[in-house]
């Protein structure tokens, strides 16, 4: 209903239509179809991040203690909603990949932090229980915005394992990169514009827990690679995703209209 009736009328009235990435626009049949019937300006302006708030820093020891994570354990993180509306976030695939990782690297300790809340919590807890991962997987729940940078700093790697194009950008990737952390994301239009394969992270086929597991195994098999990817991610944020740069792009658009 929205795609058929609302968006075409809205776009015809608009002087400009802005998407978070030109790639997402190019891969959207709906937007492409509407664009052919309008004369609006189509512009790509990404989301941004406060690189002063989300920044590398010391890990607060109490967080490891709070979640009973051993000092030497490597920490994989997920940040996002875990409700029915966000079914596409890929938590089941992440849990399956984590299970493979722990079996493959049995000599190394791992922890998985899932930051977020939603009505699927009980289902995911049941999956964790059935897989025997209760000691390694921690459901953090909702975290205050002010505390979120500390959780990113605690992680060794952030994963965004979304399974469909409902994931259009992935702001959490920027936040983690700003904190100097490497990322693994699904190879989806829009999302993949933030990840330079092998430089600041890895891209995997959406829905493939096997590829996700392989990427995790590779990364944690080369600690120096993890560190360099984190540095590269921070540099990318500073270069083009700070709020000041995004604001300038919006100002330029407003002036052009």
C-alpha atoms as a PDB file:
ATOM      1  CA  UNK A   1       0.000   0.000   0.000  1.00  0.00           C
ATOM      2  CA  UNK A   2       2.735   2.465   0.975  1.00  0.00           C
ATOM      3  CA  UNK A   3       4.949   1.571  -2.004  1.00  0.00           C
ATOM      4  CA  UNK A   4       2.077   1.722  -4.465  1.00  0.00           C
ATOM      5  CA  UNK A   5       0.113   4.779  -3.307  1.00  0.00           C
ATOM      6  CA  UNK A   6       1.982   6.862  -0.742  1.00  0.00           C
ATOM      7  CA  UNK A   7       5.578   6.944  -1.960  1.00  0.00           C
ATOM      8  CA  UNK A   8       4.848   7.886  -5.602  1.00  0.00           C
ATOM      9  CA  UNK A   9       2.712  10.844  -4.500  1.00  0.00           C
ATOM     10  CA  UNK A  10       5.210  11.897  -1.854  1.00  0.00           C
ATOM     11  CA  UNK A  11       8.124  11.711  -4.297  1.00  0.00           C
ATOM     12  CA  UNK A  12       6.249  13.784  -6.887  1.00  0.00           C
ATOM     13  CA  UNK A  13       5.795  16.544  -4.302  1.00  0.00           C
ATOM     14  CA  UNK A  14       9.396  16.405  -3.092  1.00  0.00           C
ATOM     15  CA  UNK A  15      12.127  18.656  -4.448  1.00  0.00           C
ATOM     16  CA  UNK A  16      14.720  16.096  -3.345  1.00  0.00           C
ATOM     17  CA  UNK A  17      14.769  12.475  -2.245  1.00  0.00           C
ATOM     18  CA  UNK A  18      17.667  11.403  -0.037  1.00  0.00           C
ATOM     19  CA  UNK A  19      18.881   7.861   0.604  1.00  0.00           C
ATOM     20  CA  UNK A  20      21.696   6.752   2.894  1.00  0.00           C
ATOM     21  CA  UNK A  21      23.570   5.239  -0.049  1.00  0.00           C
ATOM     22  CA  UNK A  22      23.278   5.450  -3.816  1.00  0.00           C
ATOM     23  CA  UNK A  23      23.820   1.693  -3.970  1.00  0.00           C
ATOM     24  CA  UNK A  24      20.694   0.987  -1.942  1.00  0.00           C
ATOM     25  CA  UNK A  25      18.723   3.239  -4.291  1.00  0.00           C
ATOM     26  CA  UNK A  26      20.204   1.495  -7.336  1.00  0.00           C
ATOM     27  CA  UNK A  27      19.226  -1.939  -5.988  1.00  0.00           C
ATOM     28  CA  UNK A  28      15.671  -1.009  -4.985  1.00  0.00           C
ATOM     29  CA  UNK A  29      13.153  -1.929  -7.710  1.00  0.00           C
ATOM     30  CA  UNK A  30      10.500   0.127  -5.905  1.00  0.00           C
ATOM     31  CA  UNK A  31      12.575   3.305  -5.775  1.00  0.00           C
ATOM     32  CA  UNK A  32      13.798   2.825  -9.341  1.00  0.00           C
ATOM     33  CA  UNK A  33      10.229   2.496 -10.604  1.00  0.00           C
ATOM     34  CA  UNK A  34       9.063   5.600  -8.750  1.00  0.00           C
ATOM     35  CA  UNK A  35      12.083   7.607  -9.877  1.00  0.00           C
ATOM     36  CA  UNK A  36      11.082   7.172 -13.522  1.00  0.00           C
ATOM     37  CA  UNK A  37       7.826   9.049 -12.860  1.00  0.00           C
ATOM     38  CA  UNK A  38       9.268  12.055 -10.992  1.00  0.00           C
ATOM     39  CA  UNK A  39      11.638  14.931 -11.603  1.00  0.00           C
ATOM     40  CA  UNK A  40      12.937  15.090  -8.039  1.00  0.00           C
ATOM     41  CA  UNK A  41      16.629  15.364  -7.261  1.00  0.00           C
ATOM     42  CA  UNK A  42      17.972  12.053  -5.956  1.00  0.00           C
ATOM     43  CA  UNK A  43      20.838  12.401  -3.533  1.00  0.00           C
ATOM     44  CA  UNK A  44      22.858  10.060  -1.351  1.00  0.00           C
ATOM     45  CA  UNK A  45      23.884  11.285   2.106  1.00  0.00           C
ATOM     46  CA  UNK A  46      25.063   8.668   4.622  1.00  0.00           C
ATOM     47  CA  UNK A  47      24.297   8.551   8.302  1.00  0.00           C
ATOM     48  CA  UNK A  48      27.042   9.791  10.558  1.00  0.00           C
ATOM     49  CA  UNK A  49      28.534   9.254  13.969  1.00  0.00           C
ATOM     50  CA  UNK A  50      29.917  11.462  16.732  1.00  0.00           C
ATOM     51  CA  UNK A  51      33.561  10.420  16.532  1.00  0.00           C
ATOM     52  CA  UNK A  52      34.273  12.178  19.814  1.00  0.00           C
ATOM     53  CA  UNK A  53      31.739  10.111  21.758  1.00  0.00           C
ATOM     54  CA  UNK A  54      32.308   6.885  19.837  1.00  0.00           C
ATOM     55  CA  UNK A  55      36.072   6.633  20.036  1.00  0.00           C
ATOM     56  CA  UNK A  56      38.805   4.174  21.011  1.00  0.00           C
ATOM     57  CA  UNK A  57      39.476   4.025  24.708  1.00  0.00           C
ATOM     58  CA  UNK A  58      40.252   1.899  27.715  1.00  0.00           C
ATOM     59  CA  UNK A  59      37.917  -0.975  28.544  1.00  0.00           C
ATOM     60  CA  UNK A  60      36.097  -0.603  31.844  1.00  0.00           C
ATOM     61  CA  UNK A  61      37.030  -3.710  33.865  1.00  0.00           C
ATOM     62  CA  UNK A  62      33.683  -3.871  35.657  1.00  0.00           C
ATOM     63  CA  UNK A  63      31.931  -4.800  32.404  1.00  0.00           C
ATOM     64  CA  UNK A  64      33.859  -8.076  32.147  1.00  0.00           C
ATOM     65  CA  UNK A  65      33.083  -8.734  35.786  1.00  0.00           C
ATOM     66  CA  UNK A  66      29.409  -7.852  35.350  1.00  0.00           C
ATOM     67  CA  UNK A  67      28.999 -10.446  32.605  1.00  0.00           C
ATOM     68  CA  UNK A  68      31.447 -12.968  34.093  1.00  0.00           C
ATOM     69  CA  UNK A  69      33.728 -12.891  31.061  1.00  0.00           C
ATOM     70  CA  UNK A  70      37.222 -14.282  31.621  1.00  0.00           C
ATOM     71  CA  UNK A  71      40.040 -11.798  31.236  1.00  0.00           C
ATOM     72  CA  UNK A  72      41.565 -13.672  28.316  1.00  0.00           C
ATOM     73  CA  UNK A  73      38.348 -14.336  26.400  1.00  0.00           C
ATOM     74  CA  UNK A  74      37.833 -12.751  22.978  1.00  0.00           C
ATOM     75  CA  UNK A  75      34.527 -10.912  22.744  1.00  0.00           C
ATOM     76  CA  UNK A  76      32.219 -10.812  19.722  1.00  0.00           C
ATOM     77  CA  UNK A  77      29.394  -8.298  19.827  1.00  0.00           C
ATOM     78  CA  UNK A  78      25.991  -7.666  18.308  1.00  0.00           C
ATOM     79  CA  UNK A  79      23.973  -4.479  18.791  1.00  0.00           C
ATOM     80  CA  UNK A  80      20.368  -4.270  17.611  1.00  0.00           C
ATOM     81  CA  UNK A  81      16.738  -5.073  18.284  1.00  0.00           C
ATOM     82  CA  UNK A  82      15.808  -8.688  18.921  1.00  0.00           C
ATOM     83  CA  UNK A  83      12.076  -8.434  18.341  1.00  0.00           C
ATOM     84  CA  UNK A  84       9.766  -9.949  15.734  1.00  0.00           C
ATOM     85  CA  UNK A  85       9.743  -6.792  13.639  1.00  0.00           C
ATOM     86  CA  UNK A  86      13.518  -7.103  13.235  1.00  0.00           C
ATOM     87  CA  UNK A  87      13.458 -10.778  12.258  1.00  0.00           C
ATOM     88  CA  UNK A  88      16.060 -10.003   9.591  1.00  0.00           C
ATOM     89  CA  UNK A  89      18.841  -9.181  12.074  1.00  0.00           C
ATOM     90  CA  UNK A  90      20.235 -12.705  11.782  1.00  0.00           C
ATOM     91  CA  UNK A  91      20.597 -13.712  15.438  1.00  0.00           C
ATOM     92  CA  UNK A  92      20.026 -17.453  14.729  1.00  0.00           C
ATOM     93  CA  UNK A  93      22.787 -17.366  12.101  1.00  0.00           C
ATOM     94  CA  UNK A  94      25.098 -15.568  14.513  1.00  0.00           C
ATOM     95  CA  UNK A  95      24.475 -18.137  17.237  1.00  0.00           C
ATOM     96  CA  UNK A  96      25.145 -20.998  14.809  1.00  0.00           C
ATOM     97  CA  UNK A  97      28.376 -19.344  13.630  1.00  0.00           C
ATOM     98  CA  UNK A  98      29.466 -18.723  17.201  1.00  0.00           C
ATOM     99  CA  UNK A  99      28.898 -22.375  18.039  1.00  0.00           C
ATOM    100  CA  UNK A 100      31.142 -23.404  15.120  1.00  0.00           C
ATOM    101  CA  UNK A 101      33.780 -20.881  16.194  1.00  0.00           C
ATOM    102  CA  UNK A 102      33.942 -22.195  19.757  1.00  0.00           C
ATOM    103  CA  UNK A 103      34.267 -25.766  18.525  1.00  0.00           C
ATOM    104  CA  UNK A 104      36.942 -24.905  15.961  1.00  0.00           C
ATOM    105  CA  UNK A 105      39.019 -22.785  18.340  1.00  0.00           C
ATOM    106  CA  UNK A 106      38.393 -25.003  21.371  1.00  0.00           C
ATOM    107  CA  UNK A 107      41.721 -23.967  22.888  1.00  0.00           C
ATOM    108  CA  UNK A 108      40.649 -20.314  22.961  1.00  0.00           C
ATOM    109  CA  UNK A 109      37.891 -18.755  25.058  1.00  0.00           C
ATOM    110  CA  UNK A 110      35.158 -16.680  23.421  1.00  0.00           C
ATOM    111  CA  UNK A 111      32.189 -14.671  24.596  1.00  0.00           C
ATOM    112  CA  UNK A 112      29.252 -13.314  22.614  1.00  0.00           C
ATOM    113  CA  UNK A 113      27.531 -10.143  23.816  1.00  0.00           C
ATOM    114  CA  UNK A 114      24.061  -9.474  22.396  1.00  0.00           C
ATOM    115  CA  UNK A 115      23.099  -5.889  23.181  1.00  0.00           C
ATOM    116  CA  UNK A 116      19.418  -5.160  22.645  1.00  0.00           C
ATOM    117  CA  UNK A 117      15.963  -6.190  23.745  1.00  0.00           C
ATOM    118  CA  UNK A 118      12.790  -7.589  22.203  1.00  0.00           C
ATOM    119  CA  UNK A 119      10.094 -10.233  22.235  1.00  0.00           C
ATOM    120  CA  UNK A 120      12.357 -12.923  20.741  1.00  0.00           C
ATOM    121  CA  UNK A 121      14.632 -13.054  23.780  1.00  0.00           C
ATOM    122  CA  UNK A 122      13.152 -16.284  25.160  1.00  0.00           C
ATOM    123  CA  UNK A 123      13.453 -18.010  21.787  1.00  0.00           C
ATOM    124  CA  UNK A 124      17.104 -17.052  21.460  1.00  0.00           C
ATOM    125  CA  UNK A 125      17.835 -18.055  25.040  1.00  0.00           C
ATOM    126  CA  UNK A 126      16.349 -21.466  24.260  1.00  0.00           C
ATOM    127  CA  UNK A 127      18.642 -21.836  21.237  1.00  0.00           C
ATOM    128  CA  UNK A 128      21.620 -20.944  23.425  1.00  0.00           C
ATOM    129  CA  UNK A 129      20.553 -23.462  26.066  1.00  0.00           C
ATOM    130  CA  UNK A 130      20.068 -26.256  23.530  1.00  0.00           C
ATOM    131  CA  UNK A 131      23.531 -25.547  22.091  1.00  0.00           C
ATOM    132  CA  UNK A 132      25.135 -25.602  25.543  1.00  0.00           C
ATOM    133  CA  UNK A 133      26.414 -22.037  25.206  1.00  0.00           C
ATOM    134  CA  UNK A 134      24.912 -20.456  28.343  1.00  0.00           C
ATOM    135  CA  UNK A 135      28.346 -19.728  29.805  1.00  0.00           C
ATOM    136  CA  UNK A 136      29.539 -17.956  26.668  1.00  0.00           C
ATOM    137  CA  UNK A 137      26.520 -16.041  25.305  1.00  0.00           C
ATOM    138  CA  UNK A 138      25.330 -13.033  27.279  1.00  0.00           C
ATOM    139  CA  UNK A 139      22.077 -11.181  26.594  1.00  0.00           C
ATOM    140  CA  UNK A 140      22.833  -7.678  27.809  1.00  0.00           C
ATOM    141  CA  UNK A 141      19.441  -6.121  27.134  1.00  0.00           C
ATOM    142  CA  UNK A 142      18.931  -2.437  26.452  1.00  0.00           C
ATOM    143  CA  UNK A 143      21.963  -0.201  27.022  1.00  0.00           C
ATOM    144  CA  UNK A 144      21.792   3.542  27.578  1.00  0.00           C
ATOM    145  CA  UNK A 145      23.229   5.607  24.734  1.00  0.00           C
ATOM    146  CA  UNK A 146      25.824   7.029  27.099  1.00  0.00           C
ATOM    147  CA  UNK A 147      27.076   3.521  27.930  1.00  0.00           C
ATOM    148  CA  UNK A 148      27.094   2.134  24.382  1.00  0.00           C
ATOM    149  CA  UNK A 149      30.663   3.263  23.517  1.00  0.00           C
ATOM    150  CA  UNK A 150      31.965   1.296  26.513  1.00  0.00           C
ATOM    151  CA  UNK A 151      30.362  -1.867  25.151  1.00  0.00           C
ATOM    152  CA  UNK A 152      31.906  -1.344  21.724  1.00  0.00           C
ATOM    153  CA  UNK A 153      35.310  -0.871  23.368  1.00  0.00           C
ATOM    154  CA  UNK A 154      34.796  -4.131  25.234  1.00  0.00           C
ATOM    155  CA  UNK A 155      34.254  -6.033  21.984  1.00  0.00           C
ATOM    156  CA  UNK A 156      37.035  -7.396  19.801  1.00  0.00           C
ATOM    157  CA  UNK A 157      34.719  -7.471  16.784  1.00  0.00           C
ATOM    158  CA  UNK A 158      31.169  -6.376  15.927  1.00  0.00           C
ATOM    159  CA  UNK A 159      28.932  -8.530  13.734  1.00  0.00           C
ATOM    160  CA  UNK A 160      25.891  -7.386  11.750  1.00  0.00           C
ATOM    161  CA  UNK A 161      24.548 -10.658  10.287  1.00  0.00           C
ATOM    162  CA  UNK A 162      21.342  -9.305   8.714  1.00  0.00           C
ATOM    163  CA  UNK A 163      19.637 -11.612   6.240  1.00  0.00           C
ATOM    164  CA  UNK A 164      17.544  -9.344   3.988  1.00  0.00           C
ATOM    165  CA  UNK A 165      17.535  -5.937   2.304  1.00  0.00           C
ATOM    166  CA  UNK A 166      15.396  -4.645   5.157  1.00  0.00           C
ATOM    167  CA  UNK A 167      18.828  -3.755   6.567  1.00  0.00           C
ATOM    168  CA  UNK A 168      19.673  -0.699   4.489  1.00  0.00           C
ATOM    169  CA  UNK A 169      22.738   0.835   6.156  1.00  0.00           C
ATOM    170  CA  UNK A 170      23.896  -0.398   9.566  1.00  0.00           C
ATOM    171  CA  UNK A 171      24.652   2.543  11.852  1.00  0.00           C
ATOM    172  CA  UNK A 172      26.089   0.144  14.444  1.00  0.00           C
ATOM    173  CA  UNK A 173      28.904  -0.598  12.007  1.00  0.00           C
ATOM    174  CA  UNK A 174      29.922   3.063  12.027  1.00  0.00           C
ATOM    175  CA  UNK A 175      29.718   3.237  15.806  1.00  0.00           C
ATOM    176  CA  UNK A 176      31.927   0.178  16.234  1.00  0.00           C
ATOM    177  CA  UNK A 177      34.405   1.399  13.614  1.00  0.00           C
ATOM    178  CA  UNK A 178      34.575   4.787  15.341  1.00  0.00           C
ATOM    179  CA  UNK A 179      35.578   2.905  18.495  1.00  0.00           C
ATOM    180  CA  UNK A 180      38.391   1.228  16.581  1.00  0.00           C
ATOM    181  CA  UNK A 181      36.763  -2.170  16.132  1.00  0.00           C
ATOM    182  CA  UNK A 182      36.725  -4.406  13.037  1.00  0.00           C
ATOM    183  CA  UNK A 183      33.329  -5.442  11.714  1.00  0.00           C
ATOM    184  CA  UNK A 184      31.758  -8.371   9.915  1.00  0.00           C
ATOM    185  CA  UNK A 185      28.591  -7.616   7.953  1.00  0.00           C
ATOM    186  CA  UNK A 186      26.270  -9.230   5.466  1.00  0.00           C
ATOM    187  CA  UNK A 187      26.967  -8.399   1.837  1.00  0.00           C
ATOM    188  CA  UNK A 188      23.810  -6.345   1.304  1.00  0.00           C
ATOM    189  CA  UNK A 189      23.236  -3.197  -0.778  1.00  0.00           C
ATOM    190  CA  UNK A 190      23.882  -0.156   1.379  1.00  0.00           C
ATOM    191  CA  UNK A 191      25.399  -2.139   4.231  1.00  0.00           C
ATOM    192  CA  UNK A 192      28.445  -3.154   2.214  1.00  0.00           C
ATOM    193  CA  UNK A 193      29.287   0.469   1.402  1.00  0.00           C
ATOM    194  CA  UNK A 194      30.669   0.748   4.954  1.00  0.00           C
ATOM    195  CA  UNK A 195      32.890  -2.323   4.811  1.00  0.00           C
ATOM    196  CA  UNK A 196      36.039  -2.437   2.718  1.00  0.00           C
ATOM    197  CA  UNK A 197      36.710  -6.165   2.451  1.00  0.00           C
ATOM    198  CA  UNK A 198      39.916  -7.111   4.204  1.00  0.00           C
ATOM    199  CA  UNK A 199      40.671  -3.535   5.264  1.00  0.00           C
ATOM    200  CA  UNK A 200      38.229  -2.642   8.018  1.00  0.00           C
ATOM    201  CA  UNK A 201      36.244  -5.854   8.113  1.00  0.00           C
ATOM    202  CA  UNK A 202      34.720  -8.763   6.259  1.00  0.00           C
ATOM    203  CA  UNK A 203      31.612  -9.283   4.146  1.00  0.00           C
ATOM    204  CA  UNK A 204      29.669 -12.549   4.145  1.00  0.00           C
ATOM    205  CA  UNK A 205      26.726 -13.926   2.200  1.00  0.00           C
ATOM    206  CA  UNK A 206      23.439 -12.985   3.919  1.00  0.00           C
ATOM    207  CA  UNK A 207      21.987 -15.906   5.849  1.00  0.00           C
ATOM    208  CA  UNK A 208      25.097 -18.082   5.617  1.00  0.00           C
ATOM    209  CA  UNK A 209      26.175 -19.047   9.122  1.00  0.00           C
ATOM    210  CA  UNK A 210      28.967 -21.120   7.555  1.00  0.00           C
ATOM    211  CA  UNK A 211      30.551 -18.094   5.871  1.00  0.00           C
ATOM    212  CA  UNK A 212      30.078 -16.049   9.024  1.00  0.00           C
ATOM    213  CA  UNK A 213      31.832 -18.741  11.040  1.00  0.00           C
ATOM    214  CA  UNK A 214      34.673 -18.880   8.518  1.00  0.00           C
ATOM    215  CA  UNK A 215      35.129 -15.099   8.726  1.00  0.00           C
ATOM    216  CA  UNK A 216      35.241 -15.223  12.523  1.00  0.00           C
ATOM    217  CA  UNK A 217      37.687 -18.122  12.491  1.00  0.00           C
ATOM    218  CA  UNK A 218      39.968 -16.286  10.064  1.00  0.00           C
ATOM    219  CA  UNK A 219      39.911 -13.036  12.020  1.00  0.00           C
ATOM    220  CA  UNK A 220      40.556 -14.552  15.406  1.00  0.00           C
ATOM    221  CA  UNK A 221      43.297 -16.687  13.928  1.00  0.00           C
ATOM    222  CA  UNK A 222      45.211 -13.476  13.123  1.00  0.00           C
ATOM    223  CA  UNK A 223      45.111 -11.033  16.067  1.00  0.00           C
ATOM    224  CA  UNK A 224      47.309  -8.502  14.282  1.00  0.00           C
ATOM    225  CA  UNK A 225      44.749  -8.384  11.464  1.00  0.00           C
ATOM    226  CA  UNK A 226      41.990  -7.583  13.947  1.00  0.00           C
ATOM    227  CA  UNK A 227      43.961  -4.669  15.317  1.00  0.00           C
ATOM    228  CA  UNK A 228      44.834  -3.235  11.900  1.00  0.00           C
ATOM    229  CA  UNK A 229      41.246  -3.510  10.690  1.00  0.00           C
ATOM    230  CA  UNK A 230      40.142  -1.596  13.763  1.00  0.00           C
ATOM    231  CA  UNK A 231      42.611   1.184  13.004  1.00  0.00           C
ATOM    232  CA  UNK A 232      41.486   1.287   9.376  1.00  0.00           C
ATOM    233  CA  UNK A 233      37.846   1.502  10.405  1.00  0.00           C
ATOM    234  CA  UNK A 234      38.520   4.444  12.694  1.00  0.00           C
ATOM    235  CA  UNK A 235      40.415   6.210   9.912  1.00  0.00           C
ATOM    236  CA  UNK A 236      37.498   5.687   7.508  1.00  0.00           C
ATOM    237  CA  UNK A 237      35.042   7.211   9.977  1.00  0.00           C
ATOM    238  CA  UNK A 238      37.278  10.217  10.489  1.00  0.00           C
ATOM    239  CA  UNK A 239      37.612  10.660   6.737  1.00  0.00           C
ATOM    240  CA  UNK A 240      33.965  10.635   5.699  1.00  0.00           C
ATOM    241  CA  UNK A 241      31.401   9.696   8.342  1.00  0.00           C
ATOM    242  CA  UNK A 242      31.701  12.312  11.091  1.00  0.00           C
ATOM    243  CA  UNK A 243      28.576  14.346  11.771  1.00  0.00           C
ATOM    244  CA  UNK A 244      30.298  17.557  10.700  1.00  0.00           C
ATOM    245  CA  UNK A 245      30.881  16.085   7.232  1.00  0.00           C
ATOM    246  CA  UNK A 246      27.334  14.756   6.986  1.00  0.00           C
ATOM    247  CA  UNK A 247      25.947  18.131   8.065  1.00  0.00           C
ATOM    248  CA  UNK A 248      27.928  19.853   5.331  1.00  0.00           C
ATOM    249  CA  UNK A 249      26.384  17.531   2.747  1.00  0.00           C
ATOM    250  CA  UNK A 250      22.887  18.402   4.006  1.00  0.00           C
ATOM    251  CA  UNK A 251      23.677  22.106   3.986  1.00  0.00           C
ATOM    252  CA  UNK A 252      24.881  21.870   0.392  1.00  0.00           C
ATOM    253  CA  UNK A 253      21.655  20.112  -0.605  1.00  0.00           C
ATOM    254  CA  UNK A 254      19.460  22.709   1.107  1.00  0.00           C
ATOM    255  CA  UNK A 255      21.331  25.532  -0.617  1.00  0.00           C
ATOM    256  CA  UNK A 256      20.990  23.863  -4.005  1.00  0.00           C
ATOM    257  CA  UNK A 257      17.221  23.839  -3.590  1.00  0.00           C
END
